[in-house]
C-alpha atoms as a PDB file:
ATOM      1  CA  MET A   1      47.525  74.021 113.818  1.00  0.00           C
ATOM      2  CA  LYS A   2      44.117  75.615 114.290  1.00  0.00           C
ATOM      3  CA  VAL A   3      41.126  73.630 115.481  1.00  0.00           C
ATOM      4  CA  THR A   4      38.302  74.248 113.022  1.00  0.00           C
ATOM      5  CA  ASP A   5      35.432  72.507 111.311  1.00  0.00           C
ATOM      6  CA  ALA A   6      35.819  74.684 108.224  1.00  0.00           C
ATOM      7  CA  PRO A   7      37.598  73.137 105.223  1.00  0.00           C
ATOM      8  CA  PRO A   8      41.296  73.975 105.496  1.00  0.00           C
ATOM      9  CA  ARG A   9      43.071  75.760 102.655  1.00  0.00           C
ATOM     10  CA  ILE A  10      46.141  73.576 103.074  1.00  0.00           C
ATOM     11  CA  TYR A  11      47.213  70.690 105.290  1.00  0.00           C
ATOM     12  CA  PRO A  12      50.427  70.362 107.293  1.00  0.00           C
ATOM     13  CA  ILE A  13      52.752  67.967 105.480  1.00  0.00           C
ATOM     14  CA  ARG A  14      54.047  65.125 107.633  1.00  0.00           C
ATOM     15  CA  LEU A  15      57.817  64.868 107.911  1.00  0.00           C
ATOM     16  CA  TYR A  16      60.283  62.012 107.930  1.00  0.00           C
ATOM     17  CA  GLY A  17      59.951  60.192 111.227  1.00  0.00           C
ATOM     18  CA  ASP A  18      56.150  60.320 111.346  1.00  0.00           C
ATOM     19  CA  PRO A  19      54.862  56.728 111.720  1.00  0.00           C
ATOM     20  CA  VAL A  20      52.003  57.295 109.252  1.00  0.00           C
ATOM     21  CA  LEU A  21      54.581  57.602 106.466  1.00  0.00           C
ATOM     22  CA  ARG A  22      55.706  54.019 107.070  1.00  0.00           C
ATOM     23  CA  ARG A  23      52.256  52.435 107.175  1.00  0.00           C
ATOM     24  CA  LYS A  24      50.807  50.544 104.240  1.00  0.00           C
ATOM     25  CA  ALA A  25      47.760  52.557 103.197  1.00  0.00           C
ATOM     26  CA  LYS A  26      44.275  51.064 102.917  1.00  0.00           C
ATOM     27  CA  PRO A  27      41.901  51.249  99.920  1.00  0.00           C
ATOM     28  CA  VAL A  28      39.553  54.215  99.701  1.00  0.00           C
ATOM     29  CA  GLN A  29      36.260  54.711  97.888  1.00  0.00           C
ATOM     30  CA  PRO A  30      34.974  57.961  96.303  1.00  0.00           C
ATOM     31  CA  GLY A  31      31.976  58.061  98.657  1.00  0.00           C
ATOM     32  CA  ASP A  32      34.019  57.731 101.836  1.00  0.00           C
ATOM     33  CA  THR A  33      34.199  60.445 104.460  1.00  0.00           C
ATOM     34  CA  LEU A  34      37.771  61.179 105.498  1.00  0.00           C
ATOM     35  CA  THR A  35      39.169  63.084 108.444  1.00  0.00           C
ATOM     36  CA  VAL A  36      42.641  64.522 108.267  1.00  0.00           C
ATOM     37  CA  PRO A  37      43.862  64.515 111.876  1.00  0.00           C
ATOM     38  CA  GLY A  38      43.229  67.925 113.395  1.00  0.00           C
ATOM     39  CA  PHE A  39      40.468  68.862 110.950  1.00  0.00           C
ATOM     40  CA  GLY A  40      36.802  68.111 110.452  1.00  0.00           C
ATOM     41  CA  PRO A  41      35.341  65.350 108.233  1.00  0.00           C
ATOM     42  CA  GLN A  42      35.546  65.914 104.474  1.00  0.00           C
ATOM     43  CA  THR A  43      34.540  64.150 101.302  1.00  0.00           C
ATOM     44  CA  VAL A  44      37.241  62.452  99.256  1.00  0.00           C
ATOM     45  CA  ARG A  45      36.855  65.188  96.649  1.00  0.00           C
ATOM     46  CA  GLU A  46      37.372  67.901  99.251  1.00  0.00           C
ATOM     47  CA  VAL A  47      40.438  66.125 100.585  1.00  0.00           C
ATOM     48  CA  ALA A  48      41.876  65.734  97.074  1.00  0.00           C
ATOM     49  CA  ASN A  49      41.299  69.404  96.274  1.00  0.00           C
ATOM     50  CA  THR A  50      42.958  70.492  99.511  1.00  0.00           C
ATOM     51  CA  MET A  51      45.852  68.126  98.849  1.00  0.00           C
ATOM     52  CA  LEU A  52      46.359  69.782  95.460  1.00  0.00           C
ATOM     53  CA  GLU A  53      46.383  73.217  97.103  1.00  0.00           C
ATOM     54  CA  THR A  54      48.830  71.922  99.713  1.00  0.00           C
ATOM     55  CA  MET A  55      51.048  70.546  96.962  1.00  0.00           C
ATOM     56  CA  PHE A  56      51.017  73.846  95.066  1.00  0.00           C
ATOM     57  CA  GLU A  57      51.799  75.759  98.260  1.00  0.00           C
ATOM     58  CA  ALA A  58      54.827  73.523  98.824  1.00  0.00           C
ATOM     59  CA  ARG A  59      55.791  73.750  95.126  1.00  0.00           C
ATOM     60  CA  GLY A  60      55.681  70.013  94.588  1.00  0.00           C
ATOM     61  CA  VAL A  61      54.651  67.757  91.721  1.00  0.00           C
ATOM     62  CA  GLY A  62      52.786  65.148  93.752  1.00  0.00           C
ATOM     63  CA  LEU A  63      51.408  64.435  97.199  1.00  0.00           C
ATOM     64  CA  ALA A  64      50.165  61.177  98.703  1.00  0.00           C
ATOM     65  CA  ALA A  65      47.471  60.941 101.373  1.00  0.00           C
ATOM     66  CA  PRO A  66      49.843  59.538 104.050  1.00  0.00           C
ATOM     67  CA  GLN A  67      51.842  62.761 103.714  1.00  0.00           C
ATOM     68  CA  VAL A  68      48.895  64.644 105.235  1.00  0.00           C
ATOM     69  CA  GLY A  69      48.221  61.982 107.849  1.00  0.00           C
ATOM     70  CA  LEU A  70      45.689  59.834 105.981  1.00  0.00           C
ATOM     71  CA  PRO A  71      46.757  56.181 105.534  1.00  0.00           C
ATOM     72  CA  VAL A  72      44.556  55.662 102.454  1.00  0.00           C
ATOM     73  CA  ARG A  73      45.478  54.792  98.875  1.00  0.00           C
ATOM     74  CA  LEU A  74      45.081  58.195  97.268  1.00  0.00           C
ATOM     75  CA  PHE A  75      47.527  60.534  95.637  1.00  0.00           C
ATOM     76  CA  VAL A  76      47.413  63.703  93.588  1.00  0.00           C
ATOM     77  CA  ALA A  77      49.943  64.804  91.001  1.00  0.00           C
ATOM     78  CA  VAL A  78      50.359  67.308  88.212  1.00  0.00           C
ATOM     79  CA  GLU A  79      52.197  67.578  84.960  1.00  0.00           C
ATOM     80  CA  TYR A  80      53.840  70.960  84.527  1.00  0.00           C
ATOM     81  CA  GLU A  81      55.363  72.620  81.540  1.00  0.00           C
ATOM     82  CA  ASP A  82      59.092  71.843  81.772  1.00  0.00           C
ATOM     83  CA  ASP A  83      58.228  69.522  84.657  1.00  0.00           C
ATOM     84  CA  GLU A  84      61.648  67.923  84.772  1.00  0.00           C
ATOM     85  CA  GLU A  85      63.030  71.260  85.914  1.00  0.00           C
ATOM     86  CA  GLU A  86      60.469  71.741  88.694  1.00  0.00           C
ATOM     87  CA  GLN A  87      61.768  71.869  92.240  1.00  0.00           C
ATOM     88  CA  GLU A  88      60.257  73.048  95.493  1.00  0.00           C
ATOM     89  CA  GLY A  89      61.147  76.531  96.573  1.00  0.00           C
ATOM     90  CA  GLY A  90      60.794  78.445  93.279  1.00  0.00           C
ATOM     91  CA  GLU A  91      59.037  81.771  92.913  1.00  0.00           C
ATOM     92  CA  LYS A  92      56.718  81.665  89.870  1.00  0.00           C
ATOM     93  CA  PRO A  93      53.073  80.617  90.354  1.00  0.00           C
ATOM     94  CA  LEU A  94      52.743  76.958  89.484  1.00  0.00           C
ATOM     95  CA  LYS A  95      49.087  76.825  88.504  1.00  0.00           C
ATOM     96  CA  SER A  96      49.784  78.791  85.340  1.00  0.00           C
ATOM     97  CA  ARG A  97      52.186  76.033  84.288  1.00  0.00           C
ATOM     98  CA  VAL A  98      49.896  73.055  84.902  1.00  0.00           C
ATOM     99  CA  LEU A  99      49.179  70.885  81.871  1.00  0.00           C
ATOM    100  CA  ARG A 100      47.216  68.149  83.643  1.00  0.00           C
ATOM    101  CA  GLU A 101      46.067  67.345  87.159  1.00  0.00           C
ATOM    102  CA  PHE A 102      45.677  63.782  88.420  1.00  0.00           C
ATOM    103  CA  VAL A 103      43.702  62.404  91.356  1.00  0.00           C
ATOM    104  CA  MET A 104      44.144  58.656  91.702  1.00  0.00           C
ATOM    105  CA  LEU A 105      42.328  56.379  94.128  1.00  0.00           C
ATOM    106  CA  ASN A 106      43.656  52.865  94.695  1.00  0.00           C
ATOM    107  CA  PRO A 107      46.255  53.101  91.918  1.00  0.00           C
ATOM    108  CA  VAL A 108      47.836  49.909  90.617  1.00  0.00           C
ATOM    109  CA  LEU A 109      51.010  50.355  88.595  1.00  0.00           C
ATOM    110  CA  THR A 110      52.207  47.978  85.903  1.00  0.00           C
ATOM    111  CA  VAL A 111      55.593  48.433  84.264  1.00  0.00           C
ATOM    112  CA  THR A 112      55.367  48.911  80.498  1.00  0.00           C
ATOM    113  CA  ASP A 113      59.024  49.746  79.881  1.00  0.00           C
ATOM    114  CA  LYS A 114      61.378  47.756  82.101  1.00  0.00           C
ATOM    115  CA  LYS A 115      64.416  49.827  81.190  1.00  0.00           C
ATOM    116  CA  LYS A 116      65.558  51.656  84.322  1.00  0.00           C
ATOM    117  CA  ASP A 117      66.283  55.358  84.374  1.00  0.00           C
ATOM    118  CA  ARG A 118      68.534  56.915  87.031  1.00  0.00           C
ATOM    119  CA  SER A 119      69.079  60.326  85.462  1.00  0.00           C
ATOM    120  CA  TYR A 120      66.425  62.429  87.216  1.00  0.00           C
ATOM    121  CA  GLN A 121      66.861  64.138  90.549  1.00  0.00           C
ATOM    122  CA  GLU A 122      64.235  63.253  93.143  1.00  0.00           C
ATOM    123  CA  GLY A 123      63.073  65.098  96.212  1.00  0.00           C
ATOM    124  CA  CYS A 124      60.166  64.690  98.592  1.00  0.00           C
ATOM    125  CA  LEU A 125      57.897  67.134 100.385  1.00  0.00           C
ATOM    126  CA  SER A 126      58.218  64.975 103.502  1.00  0.00           C
ATOM    127  CA  ILE A 127      62.022  65.222 103.322  1.00  0.00           C
ATOM    128  CA  PRO A 128      62.404  68.914 102.436  1.00  0.00           C
ATOM    129  CA  GLY A 129      65.734  70.156 101.198  1.00  0.00           C
ATOM    130  CA  ILE A 130      67.137  66.754 100.242  1.00  0.00           C
ATOM    131  CA  TYR A 131      67.557  65.888  96.566  1.00  0.00           C
ATOM    132  CA  GLU A 132      69.377  62.945  95.026  1.00  0.00           C
ATOM    133  CA  GLU A 133      69.914  61.410  91.615  1.00  0.00           C
ATOM    134  CA  GLY A 134      70.305  57.708  91.028  1.00  0.00           C
ATOM    135  CA  VAL A 135      66.864  56.388  92.021  1.00  0.00           C
ATOM    136  CA  ALA A 136      66.184  53.617  89.504  1.00  0.00           C
ATOM    137  CA  ARG A 137      62.667  53.935  88.107  1.00  0.00           C
ATOM    138  CA  ALA A 138      60.977  52.134  85.228  1.00  0.00           C
ATOM    139  CA  ARG A 139      60.786  54.352  82.146  1.00  0.00           C
ATOM    140  CA  GLY A 140      57.171  53.517  81.475  1.00  0.00           C
ATOM    141  CA  VAL A 141      54.166  52.511  83.580  1.00  0.00           C
ATOM    142  CA  GLN A 142      50.461  51.920  83.197  1.00  0.00           C
ATOM    143  CA  VAL A 143      48.260  53.058  86.073  1.00  0.00           C
ATOM    144  CA  ARG A 144      44.830  51.593  86.770  1.00  0.00           C
ATOM    145  CA  TYR A 145      42.908  53.697  89.250  1.00  0.00           C
ATOM    146  CA  THR A 146      39.495  54.983  90.296  1.00  0.00           C
ATOM    147  CA  ASP A 147      38.656  58.638  89.710  1.00  0.00           C
ATOM    148  CA  LEU A 148      36.590  60.905  91.953  1.00  0.00           C
ATOM    149  CA  ASP A 149      33.401  59.937  90.133  1.00  0.00           C
ATOM    150  CA  GLY A 150      33.987  56.250  90.819  1.00  0.00           C
ATOM    151  CA  GLN A 151      35.012  55.457  87.253  1.00  0.00           C
ATOM    152  CA  GLU A 152      37.791  52.985  86.563  1.00  0.00           C
ATOM    153  CA  ARG A 153      40.552  54.605  84.505  1.00  0.00           C
ATOM    154  CA  THR A 154      43.759  53.520  82.827  1.00  0.00           C
ATOM    155  CA  LEU A 155      46.610  55.873  82.054  1.00  0.00           C
ATOM    156  CA  GLU A 156      50.034  55.312  80.541  1.00  0.00           C
ATOM    157  CA  ALA A 157      53.017  57.485  81.403  1.00  0.00           C
ATOM    158  CA  ASP A 158      56.678  57.511  80.598  1.00  0.00           C
ATOM    159  CA  ASP A 159      59.887  59.220  81.629  1.00  0.00           C
ATOM    160  CA  TYR A 160      59.403  61.984  84.227  1.00  0.00           C
ATOM    161  CA  LEU A 161      55.654  61.535  84.726  1.00  0.00           C
ATOM    162  CA  ALA A 162      56.143  57.792  85.154  1.00  0.00           C
ATOM    163  CA  ARG A 163      58.696  58.598  87.851  1.00  0.00           C
ATOM    164  CA  VAL A 164      56.254  60.896  89.640  1.00  0.00           C
ATOM    165  CA  PHE A 165      53.583  58.187  89.706  1.00  0.00           C
ATOM    166  CA  GLN A 166      56.065  55.582  90.985  1.00  0.00           C
ATOM    167  CA  HIS A 167      57.287  57.958  93.695  1.00  0.00           C
ATOM    168  CA  GLU A 168      53.754  58.682  94.913  1.00  0.00           C
ATOM    169  CA  ALA A 169      52.694  55.026  94.747  1.00  0.00           C
ATOM    170  CA  ASP A 170      55.714  54.201  96.920  1.00  0.00           C
ATOM    171  CA  HIS A 171      54.307  56.493  99.615  1.00  0.00           C
ATOM    172  CA  LEU A 172      51.169  54.357  99.729  1.00  0.00           C
ATOM    173  CA  ASP A 173      53.367  51.417 100.733  1.00  0.00           C
ATOM    174  CA  GLY A 174      55.449  53.328 103.260  1.00  0.00           C
ATOM    175  CA  VAL A 175      58.502  53.734 101.015  1.00  0.00           C
ATOM    176  CA  PHE A 176      60.672  56.861 100.655  1.00  0.00           C
ATOM    177  CA  PHE A 177      62.863  57.525  97.639  1.00  0.00           C
ATOM    178  CA  LEU A 178      65.895  57.365  99.946  1.00  0.00           C
ATOM    179  CA  ASP A 179      65.013  53.715 100.610  1.00  0.00           C
ATOM    180  CA  ARG A 180      65.811  52.998  96.971  1.00  0.00           C
ATOM    181  CA  LEU A 181      69.337  54.351  97.266  1.00  0.00           C
ATOM    182  CA  PRO A 182      72.378  52.810  98.994  1.00  0.00           C
ATOM    183  CA  PRO A 183      72.232  53.070 102.823  1.00  0.00           C
ATOM    184  CA  GLU A 184      75.222  55.391 102.886  1.00  0.00           C
ATOM    185  CA  VAL A 185      73.147  58.075 101.135  1.00  0.00           C
ATOM    186  CA  THR A 186      70.701  58.135 104.045  1.00  0.00           C
ATOM    187  CA  GLU A 187      73.650  58.139 106.433  1.00  0.00           C
ATOM    188  CA  ASP A 188      75.019  61.234 104.684  1.00  0.00           C
ATOM    189  CA  TYR A 189      71.846  63.042 105.716  1.00  0.00           C
ATOM    190  CA  ARG A 190      71.765  61.650 109.242  1.00  0.00           C
ATOM    191  CA  LYS A 191      71.783  65.059 110.956  1.00  0.00           C
ATOM    192  CA  GLU A 192      69.140  66.536 108.666  1.00  0.00           C
ATOM    193  CA  LEU A 193      66.875  63.514 109.066  1.00  0.00           C
ATOM    194  CA  ALA A 194      67.321  63.511 112.840  1.00  0.00           C
ATOM    195  CA  ALA A 195      66.222  67.155 112.899  1.00  0.00           C
ATOM    196  CA  MET A 196      63.137  66.251 110.863  1.00  0.00           C
ATOM    197  CA  GLN A 197      62.336  63.446 113.277  1.00  0.00           C
ATOM    198  CA  ARG A 198      62.506  65.859 116.214  1.00  0.00           C
ATOM    199  CA  LYS A 199      60.251  68.323 114.400  1.00  0.00           C
ATOM    200  CA  SER A 200      57.846  65.506 113.543  1.00  0.00           C
ATOM    201  CA  LYS A 201      57.715  64.377 117.176  1.00  0.00           C
ATOM    202  CA  GLN A 202      56.922  67.924 118.285  1.00  0.00           C
ATOM    203  CA  PHE A 203      54.181  68.225 115.653  1.00  0.00           C
ATOM    204  CA  LEU A 204      52.580  64.957 116.776  1.00  0.00           C
ATOM    205  CA  ALA A 205      52.568  66.143 120.386  1.00  0.00           C
ATOM    206  CA  GLU A 206      50.867  69.379 119.343  1.00  0.00           C
ATOM    207  CA  LEU A 207      48.410  67.423 117.183  1.00  0.00           C
ATOM    208  CA  ALA A 208      47.491  65.241 120.149  1.00  0.00           C
ATOM    209  CA  GLU A 209      46.572  68.402 122.054  1.00  0.00           C
ATOM    210  CA  VAL A 210      44.443  69.613 119.146  1.00  0.00           C
ATOM    211  CA  GLN A 211      42.606  66.301 119.001  1.00  0.00           C
ATOM    212  CA  ARG A 212      42.082  66.341 122.762  1.00  0.00           C
ATOM    213  CA  ALA A 213      40.545  69.822 122.478  1.00  0.00           C
ATOM    214  CA  GLN A 214      38.296  68.614 119.654  1.00  0.00           C
ATOM    215  CA  ARG A 215      37.044  65.708 121.764  1.00  0.00           C
ATOM    216  CA  GLU A 216      36.294  68.054 124.657  1.00  0.00           C
ATOM    217  CA  ARG A 217      34.344  70.375 122.349  1.00  0.00           C
ATOM    218  CA  SER A 218      32.231  67.479 121.079  1.00  0.00           C
ATOM    219  CA  GLU A 219      31.333  66.163 124.545  1.00  0.00           C
END
């Protein structure tokens, strides 16, 4: 990680084992100034734009603020053409396939279709390389949220997009998709998750050094 006051192009994505991913995020307002650990202060809009770029770089469909080290209630997401087939690690540019982009502050989800769907495969940018079917999600949700201009919005989504919103909203409460599966599924990935925890611990140690250097520069 490079110490800089310039706006970053992308953020490092926090991995499984990072404590920030288990914290319940706090409300955020459009006029707030946010500081992603290791970087300079930014507006909420700047953070959201960089989160979108980070998400595209990682070939994801959504990214929540805790995944970049910010425990605030903000997530970004996109709807792609053929989005149900999207997985990280592909080759084609994603921006050309974007139908809609979403930036949601303080989202509140209400179920509009209680029927559960378990047919989609889920993954997570904070648990790279692990994909599982069987996560029960409501087929339809309504999302009330604040946009970047401070306007209150309401959006309804169903099927895959509803799943994306539920997945990202879970991150704001410290919940991974693996938590919604039987414990033996997590146990099956014990070695992979342990490796992520070790990598996360190393990243946090390096981040602490970056922050120490930033404090020394400001003194």
